[in-house]
């Protein structure tokens, strides 16, 4: 959404956020605001509210963002290895490796290593995922798909990071207790996200796992939502 006025002031005056099923919010250029939803129905409801609200329909322009390519990650590459060398190694396995674009990089889980996140056309991504590892200086490095999913390490919810969390009390990623994950002493796992989704049912077995479990239904739902924002066509 874009407007010439302050968008937060305009929306606060005319459209209470509590009336909407919003998944995430992100400020963008030109005084804009990116709004994400859990479903197409929620997005359509939001667009209808904008269009039929005379106070804001002429002041706000809502438009669909362009769909981006998916991403891949190469993990724990020595920081001394330049990207050009990584790209040369990739060329052996993917003909169109020159189409890869650097999104960002961050520290690996091992000392003096870097995780490289690259934007990749779907065809190149599938070729490299099939390979699983690439050789660099006689060592193998894992390559897999990367999902741009915001996760809060304070409350464990999706859609925002710890810096933007509005909660005052933490939720443990291991047991869902009201304490920091690193301080957890529990011998069992319980997912705070699945607990919320199952109407606060402590006895539902679908919640008996860590909130960071990659098989968590809530996490898998986030992946499916993310994939809808990416172009997986092989053109």
C-alpha atoms as a PDB file:
ATOM      1  CA  UNK A   1       0.000   0.000   0.000  1.00  0.00           C
ATOM      2  CA  UNK A   2       1.219   3.515  -0.838  1.00  0.00           C
ATOM      3  CA  UNK A   3      -0.066   6.979   0.121  1.00  0.00           C
ATOM      4  CA  UNK A   4       1.173  10.586   0.202  1.00  0.00           C
ATOM      5  CA  UNK A   5       0.109  10.890   3.865  1.00  0.00           C
ATOM      6  CA  UNK A   6       1.498   9.091   6.896  1.00  0.00           C
ATOM      7  CA  UNK A   7       0.033   5.648   6.326  1.00  0.00           C
ATOM      8  CA  UNK A   8      -0.032   4.596   9.988  1.00  0.00           C
ATOM      9  CA  UNK A   9      -1.919   7.739  11.016  1.00  0.00           C
ATOM     10  CA  UNK A  10      -4.382   7.329   8.169  1.00  0.00           C
ATOM     11  CA  UNK A  11      -5.075   3.667   8.930  1.00  0.00           C
ATOM     12  CA  UNK A  12      -5.344   4.213  12.682  1.00  0.00           C
ATOM     13  CA  UNK A  13      -7.990   6.875  12.126  1.00  0.00           C
ATOM     14  CA  UNK A  14     -10.109   4.884   9.696  1.00  0.00           C
ATOM     15  CA  UNK A  15      -9.381   1.146   9.889  1.00  0.00           C
ATOM     16  CA  UNK A  16      -8.693  -0.536  13.272  1.00  0.00           C
ATOM     17  CA  UNK A  17      -6.076  -3.268  12.900  1.00  0.00           C
ATOM     18  CA  UNK A  18      -8.035  -5.407  15.391  1.00  0.00           C
ATOM     19  CA  UNK A  19     -10.753  -5.829  12.758  1.00  0.00           C
ATOM     20  CA  UNK A  20      -8.369  -7.583  10.363  1.00  0.00           C
ATOM     21  CA  UNK A  21      -6.633 -10.958  10.182  1.00  0.00           C
ATOM     22  CA  UNK A  22      -3.122  -9.701   9.459  1.00  0.00           C
ATOM     23  CA  UNK A  23      -0.109 -12.019   9.408  1.00  0.00           C
ATOM     24  CA  UNK A  24       2.683  -9.459   9.094  1.00  0.00           C
ATOM     25  CA  UNK A  25       3.484  -5.780   8.491  1.00  0.00           C
ATOM     26  CA  UNK A  26       6.615  -4.217   7.013  1.00  0.00           C
ATOM     27  CA  UNK A  27       7.355  -0.556   6.134  1.00  0.00           C
ATOM     28  CA  UNK A  28       8.519  -0.113   2.524  1.00  0.00           C
ATOM     29  CA  UNK A  29       9.654   2.795   0.349  1.00  0.00           C
ATOM     30  CA  UNK A  30       7.439   5.716  -0.738  1.00  0.00           C
ATOM     31  CA  UNK A  31       5.643   5.791   2.621  1.00  0.00           C
ATOM     32  CA  UNK A  32       4.302   2.322   1.886  1.00  0.00           C
ATOM     33  CA  UNK A  33       3.365  -0.633   4.041  1.00  0.00           C
ATOM     34  CA  UNK A  34       3.620  -4.290   3.036  1.00  0.00           C
ATOM     35  CA  UNK A  35       0.780  -6.333   4.528  1.00  0.00           C
ATOM     36  CA  UNK A  36       0.734 -10.137   4.483  1.00  0.00           C
ATOM     37  CA  UNK A  37      -2.176 -12.449   5.243  1.00  0.00           C
ATOM     38  CA  UNK A  38      -2.694 -16.102   6.132  1.00  0.00           C
ATOM     39  CA  UNK A  39      -5.072 -16.725   3.230  1.00  0.00           C
ATOM     40  CA  UNK A  40      -6.359 -15.297  -0.040  1.00  0.00           C
ATOM     41  CA  UNK A  41      -9.764 -14.762   1.595  1.00  0.00           C
ATOM     42  CA  UNK A  42      -8.206 -12.558   4.281  1.00  0.00           C
ATOM     43  CA  UNK A  43      -6.402 -10.542   1.615  1.00  0.00           C
ATOM     44  CA  UNK A  44      -9.581 -10.088  -0.431  1.00  0.00           C
ATOM     45  CA  UNK A  45     -11.497  -8.969   2.667  1.00  0.00           C
ATOM     46  CA  UNK A  46      -8.827  -6.367   3.354  1.00  0.00           C
ATOM     47  CA  UNK A  47      -8.881  -5.058  -0.229  1.00  0.00           C
ATOM     48  CA  UNK A  48     -12.675  -4.806  -0.097  1.00  0.00           C
ATOM     49  CA  UNK A  49     -12.501  -2.789   3.119  1.00  0.00           C
ATOM     50  CA  UNK A  50     -10.053  -0.363   1.495  1.00  0.00           C
ATOM     51  CA  UNK A  51     -12.120  -0.007  -1.680  1.00  0.00           C
ATOM     52  CA  UNK A  52     -15.421   0.569   0.114  1.00  0.00           C
ATOM     53  CA  UNK A  53     -14.126   2.962   2.760  1.00  0.00           C
ATOM     54  CA  UNK A  54     -14.644   6.457   1.341  1.00  0.00           C
ATOM     55  CA  UNK A  55     -12.256   7.983   3.882  1.00  0.00           C
ATOM     56  CA  UNK A  56      -9.237   6.105   2.556  1.00  0.00           C
ATOM     57  CA  UNK A  57     -10.083   4.611  -0.857  1.00  0.00           C
ATOM     58  CA  UNK A  58      -8.957   7.794  -2.646  1.00  0.00           C
ATOM     59  CA  UNK A  59      -5.831   8.188  -0.500  1.00  0.00           C
ATOM     60  CA  UNK A  60      -4.399   4.667  -0.467  1.00  0.00           C
ATOM     61  CA  UNK A  61      -3.297   2.630  -3.450  1.00  0.00           C
ATOM     62  CA  UNK A  62      -3.259  -1.119  -2.777  1.00  0.00           C
ATOM     63  CA  UNK A  63      -1.308  -3.244  -5.206  1.00  0.00           C
ATOM     64  CA  UNK A  64      -0.015  -6.792  -5.466  1.00  0.00           C
ATOM     65  CA  UNK A  65       3.787  -7.091  -5.151  1.00  0.00           C
ATOM     66  CA  UNK A  66       5.770  -8.817  -7.871  1.00  0.00           C
ATOM     67  CA  UNK A  67       6.532 -12.475  -7.205  1.00  0.00           C
ATOM     68  CA  UNK A  68      10.199 -13.174  -6.499  1.00  0.00           C
ATOM     69  CA  UNK A  69      12.307 -16.223  -7.168  1.00  0.00           C
ATOM     70  CA  UNK A  70      12.894 -18.689  -4.301  1.00  0.00           C
ATOM     71  CA  UNK A  71      16.212 -18.782  -2.443  1.00  0.00           C
ATOM     72  CA  UNK A  72      18.897 -21.293  -1.555  1.00  0.00           C
ATOM     73  CA  UNK A  73      21.516 -21.377   1.181  1.00  0.00           C
ATOM     74  CA  UNK A  74      25.083 -22.708   1.186  1.00  0.00           C
ATOM     75  CA  UNK A  75      26.120 -23.351   4.773  1.00  0.00           C
ATOM     76  CA  UNK A  76      29.360 -22.947   6.716  1.00  0.00           C
ATOM     77  CA  UNK A  77      31.584 -21.870   3.835  1.00  0.00           C
ATOM     78  CA  UNK A  78      34.992 -20.614   5.062  1.00  0.00           C
ATOM     79  CA  UNK A  79      34.917 -16.819   5.173  1.00  0.00           C
ATOM     80  CA  UNK A  80      38.138 -16.754   3.139  1.00  0.00           C
ATOM     81  CA  UNK A  81      36.394 -18.222   0.061  1.00  0.00           C
ATOM     82  CA  UNK A  82      35.074 -15.448  -2.233  1.00  0.00           C
ATOM     83  CA  UNK A  83      31.684 -15.676  -3.909  1.00  0.00           C
ATOM     84  CA  UNK A  84      33.294 -15.915  -7.359  1.00  0.00           C
ATOM     85  CA  UNK A  85      34.863 -19.221  -6.343  1.00  0.00           C
ATOM     86  CA  UNK A  86      31.525 -20.485  -5.023  1.00  0.00           C
ATOM     87  CA  UNK A  87      29.829 -19.501  -8.271  1.00  0.00           C
ATOM     88  CA  UNK A  88      32.454 -21.377 -10.304  1.00  0.00           C
ATOM     89  CA  UNK A  89      31.801 -24.518  -8.257  1.00  0.00           C
ATOM     90  CA  UNK A  90      28.052 -24.172  -8.800  1.00  0.00           C
ATOM     91  CA  UNK A  91      28.476 -23.884 -12.591  1.00  0.00           C
ATOM     92  CA  UNK A  92      29.478 -27.541 -12.742  1.00  0.00           C
ATOM     93  CA  UNK A  93      26.014 -28.556 -11.533  1.00  0.00           C
ATOM     94  CA  UNK A  94      23.758 -25.812 -12.924  1.00  0.00           C
ATOM     95  CA  UNK A  95      24.043 -24.391 -16.438  1.00  0.00           C
ATOM     96  CA  UNK A  96      22.377 -21.090 -15.590  1.00  0.00           C
ATOM     97  CA  UNK A  97      24.258 -20.396 -12.361  1.00  0.00           C
ATOM     98  CA  UNK A  98      24.955 -16.854 -13.568  1.00  0.00           C
ATOM     99  CA  UNK A  99      21.278 -16.119 -12.787  1.00  0.00           C
ATOM    100  CA  UNK A 100      21.913 -16.535  -9.063  1.00  0.00           C
ATOM    101  CA  UNK A 101      21.833 -13.296  -7.071  1.00  0.00           C
ATOM    102  CA  UNK A 102      23.264 -12.697  -3.613  1.00  0.00           C
ATOM    103  CA  UNK A 103      20.481 -11.848  -1.141  1.00  0.00           C
ATOM    104  CA  UNK A 104      22.612 -11.676   1.991  1.00  0.00           C
ATOM    105  CA  UNK A 105      25.136 -13.581   4.068  1.00  0.00           C
ATOM    106  CA  UNK A 106      25.490 -14.253   7.791  1.00  0.00           C
ATOM    107  CA  UNK A 107      27.803 -16.094  10.165  1.00  0.00           C
ATOM    108  CA  UNK A 108      27.768 -19.882   9.997  1.00  0.00           C
ATOM    109  CA  UNK A 109      27.481 -22.231  12.962  1.00  0.00           C
ATOM    110  CA  UNK A 110      31.220 -22.965  12.798  1.00  0.00           C
ATOM    111  CA  UNK A 111      34.002 -20.447  13.558  1.00  0.00           C
ATOM    112  CA  UNK A 112      35.095 -18.201  10.669  1.00  0.00           C
ATOM    113  CA  UNK A 113      32.410 -19.466   8.294  1.00  0.00           C
ATOM    114  CA  UNK A 114      29.653 -17.795   6.299  1.00  0.00           C
ATOM    115  CA  UNK A 115      26.181 -18.863   5.204  1.00  0.00           C
ATOM    116  CA  UNK A 116      25.403 -17.560   1.716  1.00  0.00           C
ATOM    117  CA  UNK A 117      21.747 -16.920   0.779  1.00  0.00           C
ATOM    118  CA  UNK A 118      21.148 -16.617  -2.968  1.00  0.00           C
ATOM    119  CA  UNK A 119      18.033 -15.878  -4.986  1.00  0.00           C
ATOM    120  CA  UNK A 120      17.603 -18.548  -7.638  1.00  0.00           C
ATOM    121  CA  UNK A 121      15.235 -19.284 -10.529  1.00  0.00           C
ATOM    122  CA  UNK A 122      13.232 -22.430  -9.752  1.00  0.00           C
ATOM    123  CA  UNK A 123      14.961 -24.532 -12.417  1.00  0.00           C
ATOM    124  CA  UNK A 124      18.429 -23.774 -11.040  1.00  0.00           C
ATOM    125  CA  UNK A 125      17.200 -24.283  -7.481  1.00  0.00           C
ATOM    126  CA  UNK A 126      15.861 -27.765  -8.255  1.00  0.00           C
ATOM    127  CA  UNK A 127      19.136 -28.770  -9.927  1.00  0.00           C
ATOM    128  CA  UNK A 128      21.188 -27.706  -6.928  1.00  0.00           C
ATOM    129  CA  UNK A 129      18.840 -29.149  -4.298  1.00  0.00           C
ATOM    130  CA  UNK A 130      19.155 -32.493  -6.076  1.00  0.00           C
ATOM    131  CA  UNK A 131      22.952 -32.249  -5.730  1.00  0.00           C
ATOM    132  CA  UNK A 132      22.629 -31.491  -1.959  1.00  0.00           C
ATOM    133  CA  UNK A 133      26.331 -30.599  -1.553  1.00  0.00           C
ATOM    134  CA  UNK A 134      28.955 -28.795  -3.618  1.00  0.00           C
ATOM    135  CA  UNK A 135      32.756 -29.219  -3.421  1.00  0.00           C
ATOM    136  CA  UNK A 136      34.975 -26.277  -2.498  1.00  0.00           C
ATOM    137  CA  UNK A 137      38.708 -26.703  -1.912  1.00  0.00           C
ATOM    138  CA  UNK A 138      38.277 -30.442  -1.370  1.00  0.00           C
ATOM    139  CA  UNK A 139      35.526 -30.133   1.182  1.00  0.00           C
ATOM    140  CA  UNK A 140      31.782 -30.584   0.696  1.00  0.00           C
ATOM    141  CA  UNK A 141      29.279 -27.888   1.681  1.00  0.00           C
ATOM    142  CA  UNK A 142      25.551 -28.337   2.174  1.00  0.00           C
ATOM    143  CA  UNK A 143      23.190 -26.552  -0.198  1.00  0.00           C
ATOM    144  CA  UNK A 144      19.417 -26.449   0.335  1.00  0.00           C
ATOM    145  CA  UNK A 145      16.368 -24.262  -0.107  1.00  0.00           C
ATOM    146  CA  UNK A 146      16.117 -21.255   2.194  1.00  0.00           C
ATOM    147  CA  UNK A 147      12.772 -19.958   3.431  1.00  0.00           C
ATOM    148  CA  UNK A 148      12.488 -16.273   4.352  1.00  0.00           C
ATOM    149  CA  UNK A 149      10.330 -16.810   7.439  1.00  0.00           C
ATOM    150  CA  UNK A 150      10.466 -14.323  10.298  1.00  0.00           C
ATOM    151  CA  UNK A 151      10.508 -16.009  13.693  1.00  0.00           C
ATOM    152  CA  UNK A 152      10.540 -14.327  17.085  1.00  0.00           C
ATOM    153  CA  UNK A 153      12.981 -15.893  19.550  1.00  0.00           C
ATOM    154  CA  UNK A 154      11.146 -14.204  22.436  1.00  0.00           C
ATOM    155  CA  UNK A 155       7.510 -15.271  21.984  1.00  0.00           C
ATOM    156  CA  UNK A 156       8.189 -17.915  19.229  1.00  0.00           C
ATOM    157  CA  UNK A 157       5.485 -16.510  16.927  1.00  0.00           C
ATOM    158  CA  UNK A 158       5.936 -16.057  13.181  1.00  0.00           C
ATOM    159  CA  UNK A 159       5.668 -12.843  11.198  1.00  0.00           C
ATOM    160  CA  UNK A 160       8.007 -10.670  13.278  1.00  0.00           C
ATOM    161  CA  UNK A 161      11.441 -10.753  14.908  1.00  0.00           C
ATOM    162  CA  UNK A 162      12.478 -10.362  18.537  1.00  0.00           C
ATOM    163  CA  UNK A 163      13.250  -6.675  17.968  1.00  0.00           C
ATOM    164  CA  UNK A 164       9.633  -5.983  17.008  1.00  0.00           C
ATOM    165  CA  UNK A 165       7.917  -8.258  19.543  1.00  0.00           C
ATOM    166  CA  UNK A 166       5.116  -6.609  21.534  1.00  0.00           C
ATOM    167  CA  UNK A 167       5.057  -9.235  24.302  1.00  0.00           C
ATOM    168  CA  UNK A 168       6.547  -8.493  27.727  1.00  0.00           C
ATOM    169  CA  UNK A 169       6.845 -12.100  28.933  1.00  0.00           C
ATOM    170  CA  UNK A 170       8.828 -14.723  26.966  1.00  0.00           C
ATOM    171  CA  UNK A 171       7.552 -18.081  25.763  1.00  0.00           C
ATOM    172  CA  UNK A 172       9.949 -21.015  25.778  1.00  0.00           C
ATOM    173  CA  UNK A 173      10.541 -22.705  22.412  1.00  0.00           C
ATOM    174  CA  UNK A 174      10.994 -26.048  24.159  1.00  0.00           C
ATOM    175  CA  UNK A 175       8.137 -26.332  26.674  1.00  0.00           C
ATOM    176  CA  UNK A 176       6.015 -23.181  26.059  1.00  0.00           C
ATOM    177  CA  UNK A 177       6.658 -22.014  29.629  1.00  0.00           C
ATOM    178  CA  UNK A 178       6.987 -18.343  30.576  1.00  0.00           C
ATOM    179  CA  UNK A 179      10.781 -18.255  30.563  1.00  0.00           C
ATOM    180  CA  UNK A 180      13.654 -17.893  28.116  1.00  0.00           C
ATOM    181  CA  UNK A 181      14.394 -20.970  26.002  1.00  0.00           C
ATOM    182  CA  UNK A 182      18.018 -21.047  27.164  1.00  0.00           C
ATOM    183  CA  UNK A 183      16.853 -21.289  30.785  1.00  0.00           C
ATOM    184  CA  UNK A 184      14.498 -24.224  30.191  1.00  0.00           C
ATOM    185  CA  UNK A 185      14.902 -27.273  32.443  1.00  0.00           C
ATOM    186  CA  UNK A 186      11.897 -29.192  31.149  1.00  0.00           C
ATOM    187  CA  UNK A 187      12.234 -32.831  30.106  1.00  0.00           C
ATOM    188  CA  UNK A 188       9.341 -32.659  27.659  1.00  0.00           C
ATOM    189  CA  UNK A 189       8.526 -30.579  24.573  1.00  0.00           C
ATOM    190  CA  UNK A 190       5.399 -28.558  23.991  1.00  0.00           C
ATOM    191  CA  UNK A 191       4.837 -26.149  21.090  1.00  0.00           C
ATOM    192  CA  UNK A 192       3.412 -22.766  22.062  1.00  0.00           C
ATOM    193  CA  UNK A 193       2.323 -22.078  18.465  1.00  0.00           C
ATOM    194  CA  UNK A 194       0.395 -25.333  18.061  1.00  0.00           C
ATOM    195  CA  UNK A 195      -1.071 -24.826  21.532  1.00  0.00           C
ATOM    196  CA  UNK A 196      -2.537 -21.521  20.362  1.00  0.00           C
ATOM    197  CA  UNK A 197      -3.843 -23.086  17.153  1.00  0.00           C
ATOM    198  CA  UNK A 198      -5.606 -25.913  19.012  1.00  0.00           C
ATOM    199  CA  UNK A 199      -7.666 -23.557  21.201  1.00  0.00           C
ATOM    200  CA  UNK A 200      -5.311 -23.846  24.190  1.00  0.00           C
ATOM    201  CA  UNK A 201      -5.731 -27.621  24.487  1.00  0.00           C
ATOM    202  CA  UNK A 202      -2.907 -29.011  26.662  1.00  0.00           C
ATOM    203  CA  UNK A 203      -3.848 -32.599  25.824  1.00  0.00           C
ATOM    204  CA  UNK A 204      -3.675 -32.329  22.043  1.00  0.00           C
ATOM    205  CA  UNK A 205      -0.809 -34.616  20.887  1.00  0.00           C
ATOM    206  CA  UNK A 206      -0.170 -32.411  17.848  1.00  0.00           C
ATOM    207  CA  UNK A 207       1.483 -29.924  20.241  1.00  0.00           C
ATOM    208  CA  UNK A 208       3.988 -32.367  21.746  1.00  0.00           C
ATOM    209  CA  UNK A 209       7.122 -31.019  20.046  1.00  0.00           C
ATOM    210  CA  UNK A 210       9.438 -28.015  20.206  1.00  0.00           C
ATOM    211  CA  UNK A 211       8.332 -24.775  18.539  1.00  0.00           C
ATOM    212  CA  UNK A 212      11.578 -25.033  16.537  1.00  0.00           C
ATOM    213  CA  UNK A 213      10.856 -28.522  15.237  1.00  0.00           C
ATOM    214  CA  UNK A 214      11.077 -28.427  11.426  1.00  0.00           C
ATOM    215  CA  UNK A 215       8.125 -30.870  11.313  1.00  0.00           C
ATOM    216  CA  UNK A 216       5.888 -28.531  13.327  1.00  0.00           C
ATOM    217  CA  UNK A 217       2.515 -28.072  11.550  1.00  0.00           C
ATOM    218  CA  UNK A 218       2.675 -24.321  12.189  1.00  0.00           C
ATOM    219  CA  UNK A 219       6.145 -24.102  10.656  1.00  0.00           C
ATOM    220  CA  UNK A 220       5.085 -26.176   7.643  1.00  0.00           C
ATOM    221  CA  UNK A 221       2.090 -23.870   7.196  1.00  0.00           C
ATOM    222  CA  UNK A 222       4.473 -20.887   7.175  1.00  0.00           C
ATOM    223  CA  UNK A 223       6.523 -22.569   4.435  1.00  0.00           C
ATOM    224  CA  UNK A 224       3.426 -23.070   2.297  1.00  0.00           C
ATOM    225  CA  UNK A 225       2.460 -19.437   2.827  1.00  0.00           C
ATOM    226  CA  UNK A 226       5.972 -18.333   1.870  1.00  0.00           C
ATOM    227  CA  UNK A 227       5.966 -20.470  -1.284  1.00  0.00           C
ATOM    228  CA  UNK A 228       2.851 -18.675  -2.509  1.00  0.00           C
ATOM    229  CA  UNK A 229       4.935 -15.497  -2.654  1.00  0.00           C
ATOM    230  CA  UNK A 230       7.623 -17.059  -4.860  1.00  0.00           C
ATOM    231  CA  UNK A 231       7.761 -18.037  -8.526  1.00  0.00           C
ATOM    232  CA  UNK A 232       8.346 -21.788  -8.805  1.00  0.00           C
ATOM    233  CA  UNK A 233       7.674 -21.994 -12.551  1.00  0.00           C
ATOM    234  CA  UNK A 234      10.477 -23.511 -14.632  1.00  0.00           C
ATOM    235  CA  UNK A 235      10.300 -21.003 -17.496  1.00  0.00           C
END
